[in-house]
Amino acid sequence: ARNLFILNLGVADLCFIVCCVPFQATIYTLDG
């Protein structure tokens, strides 16, 4: 169960990165 929790955390982190990075990059590009 513990490994599943860690895996879940990693997946959530990955989703966060995938969602946030392009958004942040777009803002940075538009500002730049």
PDB file of N, CA and C in Angstrom:
ATOM      1  N   ALA A   1       0.841  -1.200   0.000  1.00  0.00           N
ATOM      2  CA  ALA A   1       0.000   0.000   0.000  1.00  0.00           C
ATOM      3  C   ALA A   1       0.877   1.252   0.000  1.00  0.00           C
ATOM      4  N   ARG A   2       2.027   1.150   0.690  1.00  0.00           N
ATOM      5  CA  ARG A   2       2.905   2.313   0.789  1.00  0.00           C
ATOM      6  C   ARG A   2       3.501   2.670  -0.573  1.00  0.00           C
ATOM      7  N   ASN A   3       3.883   1.646  -1.333  1.00  0.00           N
ATOM      8  CA  ASN A   3       4.440   1.892  -2.661  1.00  0.00           C
ATOM      9  C   ASN A   3       3.417   2.562  -3.573  1.00  0.00           C
ATOM     10  N   LEU A   4       2.157   2.143  -3.434  1.00  0.00           N
ATOM     11  CA  LEU A   4       1.087   2.718  -4.240  1.00  0.00           C
ATOM     12  C   LEU A   4       0.922   4.201  -3.918  1.00  0.00           C
ATOM     13  N   PHE A   5       1.041   4.525  -2.633  1.00  0.00           N
ATOM     14  CA  PHE A   5       0.926   5.915  -2.197  1.00  0.00           C
ATOM     15  C   PHE A   5       2.033   6.767  -2.812  1.00  0.00           C
ATOM     16  N   ILE A   6       3.253   6.239  -2.782  1.00  0.00           N
ATOM     17  CA  ILE A   6       4.401   6.949  -3.356  1.00  0.00           C
ATOM     18  C   ILE A   6       4.224   7.113  -4.866  1.00  0.00           C
ATOM     19  N   LEU A   7       3.743   6.051  -5.509  1.00  0.00           N
ATOM     20  CA  LEU A   7       3.502   6.097  -6.948  1.00  0.00           C
ATOM     21  C   LEU A   7       2.441   7.145  -7.271  1.00  0.00           C
ATOM     22  N   ASN A   8       1.388   7.170  -6.461  1.00  0.00           N
ATOM     23  CA  ASN A   8       0.313   8.132  -6.635  1.00  0.00           C
ATOM     24  C   ASN A   8       0.832   9.555  -6.523  1.00  0.00           C
ATOM     25  N   LEU A   9       1.710   9.773  -5.552  1.00  0.00           N
ATOM     26  CA  LEU A   9       2.312  11.079  -5.329  1.00  0.00           C
ATOM     27  C   LEU A   9       3.117  11.500  -6.555  1.00  0.00           C
ATOM     28  N   GLY A  10       3.867  10.554  -7.108  1.00  0.00           N
ATOM     29  CA  GLY A  10       4.668  10.828  -8.294  1.00  0.00           C
ATOM     30  C   GLY A  10       3.811  11.179  -9.493  1.00  0.00           C
ATOM     31  N   VAL A  11       2.711  10.447  -9.665  1.00  0.00           N
ATOM     32  CA  VAL A  11       1.805  10.704 -10.786  1.00  0.00           C
ATOM     33  C   VAL A  11       1.160  12.077 -10.648  1.00  0.00           C
ATOM     34  N   ALA A  12       0.743  12.424  -9.436  1.00  0.00           N
ATOM     35  CA  ALA A  12       0.134  13.723  -9.180  1.00  0.00           C
ATOM     36  C   ALA A  12       1.130  14.844  -9.470  1.00  0.00           C
ATOM     37  N   ASP A  13       2.377  14.628  -9.061  1.00  0.00           N
ATOM     38  CA  ASP A  13       3.443  15.589  -9.301  1.00  0.00           C
ATOM     39  C   ASP A  13       3.668  15.781 -10.794  1.00  0.00           C
ATOM     40  N   LEU A  14       3.677  14.676 -11.515  1.00  0.00           N
ATOM     41  CA  LEU A  14       3.890  14.707 -12.953  1.00  0.00           C
ATOM     42  C   LEU A  14       2.757  15.461 -13.645  1.00  0.00           C
ATOM     43  N   CYS A  15       1.524  15.183 -13.224  1.00  0.00           N
ATOM     44  CA  CYS A  15       0.364  15.873 -13.793  1.00  0.00           C
ATOM     45  C   CYS A  15       0.453  17.371 -13.530  1.00  0.00           C
ATOM     46  N   PHE A  16       0.890  17.723 -12.329  1.00  0.00           N
ATOM     47  CA  PHE A  16       1.038  19.126 -11.956  1.00  0.00           C
ATOM     48  C   PHE A  16       2.045  19.818 -12.870  1.00  0.00           C
ATOM     49  N   ILE A  17       3.175  19.144 -13.104  1.00  0.00           N
ATOM     50  CA  ILE A  17       4.218  19.697 -13.969  1.00  0.00           C
ATOM     51  C   ILE A  17       3.705  19.850 -15.398  1.00  0.00           C
ATOM     52  N   VAL A  18       3.046  18.807 -15.895  1.00  0.00           N
ATOM     53  CA  VAL A  18       2.540  18.822 -17.273  1.00  0.00           C
ATOM     54  C   VAL A  18       1.508  19.927 -17.459  1.00  0.00           C
ATOM     55  N   CYS A  19       0.683  20.164 -16.422  1.00  0.00           N
ATOM     56  CA  CYS A  19      -0.353  21.188 -16.523  1.00  0.00           C
ATOM     57  C   CYS A  19       0.215  22.591 -16.353  1.00  0.00           C
ATOM     58  N   CYS A  20       1.150  22.753 -15.420  1.00  0.00           N
ATOM     59  CA  CYS A  20       1.593  24.089 -15.032  1.00  0.00           C
ATOM     60  C   CYS A  20       2.694  24.649 -15.917  1.00  0.00           C
ATOM     61  N   VAL A  21       3.623  23.797 -16.350  1.00  0.00           N
ATOM     62  CA  VAL A  21       4.790  24.292 -17.071  1.00  0.00           C
ATOM     63  C   VAL A  21       4.423  24.979 -18.394  1.00  0.00           C
ATOM     64  N   PRO A  22       3.581  24.380 -19.251  1.00  0.00           N
ATOM     65  CA  PRO A  22       3.215  25.068 -20.499  1.00  0.00           C
ATOM     66  C   PRO A  22       2.506  26.394 -20.219  1.00  0.00           C
ATOM     67  N   PHE A  23       1.652  26.405 -19.196  1.00  0.00           N
ATOM     68  CA  PHE A  23       0.923  27.606 -18.816  1.00  0.00           C
ATOM     69  C   PHE A  23       1.888  28.704 -18.394  1.00  0.00           C
ATOM     70  N   GLN A  24       2.832  28.331 -17.537  1.00  0.00           N
ATOM     71  CA  GLN A  24       3.846  29.263 -17.045  1.00  0.00           C
ATOM     72  C   GLN A  24       4.723  29.752 -18.198  1.00  0.00           C
ATOM     73  N   ALA A  25       5.075  28.841 -19.095  1.00  0.00           N
ATOM     74  CA  ALA A  25       5.918  29.192 -20.235  1.00  0.00           C
ATOM     75  C   ALA A  25       5.199  30.169 -21.152  1.00  0.00           C
ATOM     76  N   THR A  26       3.902  29.976 -21.317  1.00  0.00           N
ATOM     77  CA  THR A  26       3.109  30.877 -22.157  1.00  0.00           C
ATOM     78  C   THR A  26       3.096  32.280 -21.571  1.00  0.00           C
ATOM     79  N   ILE A  27       2.877  32.371 -20.270  1.00  0.00           N
ATOM     80  CA  ILE A  27       2.879  33.673 -19.592  1.00  0.00           C
ATOM     81  C   ILE A  27       4.243  34.334 -19.735  1.00  0.00           C
ATOM     82  N   TYR A  28       5.291  33.533 -19.535  1.00  0.00           N
ATOM     83  CA  TYR A  28       6.652  34.049 -19.624  1.00  0.00           C
ATOM     84  C   TYR A  28       6.935  34.564 -21.030  1.00  0.00           C
ATOM     85  N   THR A  29       6.462  33.830 -22.036  1.00  0.00           N
ATOM     86  CA  THR A  29       6.683  34.222 -23.427  1.00  0.00           C
ATOM     87  C   THR A  29       5.914  35.494 -23.762  1.00  0.00           C
ATOM     88  N   LEU A  30       4.679  35.589 -23.311  1.00  0.00           N
ATOM     89  CA  LEU A  30       3.860  36.759 -23.602  1.00  0.00           C
ATOM     90  C   LEU A  30       4.409  37.994 -22.896  1.00  0.00           C
ATOM     91  N   ASP A  31       4.949  37.807 -21.697  1.00  0.00           N
ATOM     92  CA  ASP A  31       5.538  38.912 -20.954  1.00  0.00           C
ATOM     93  C   ASP A  31       6.839  39.370 -21.606  1.00  0.00           C
ATOM     94  N   GLY A  32       7.635  38.383 -22.027  1.00  0.00           N
ATOM     95  CA  GLY A  32       8.994  38.587 -22.462  1.00  0.00           C
ATOM     96  C   GLY A  32       9.176  39.582 -23.570  1.00  0.00           C
TER      97      GLY A  32
END
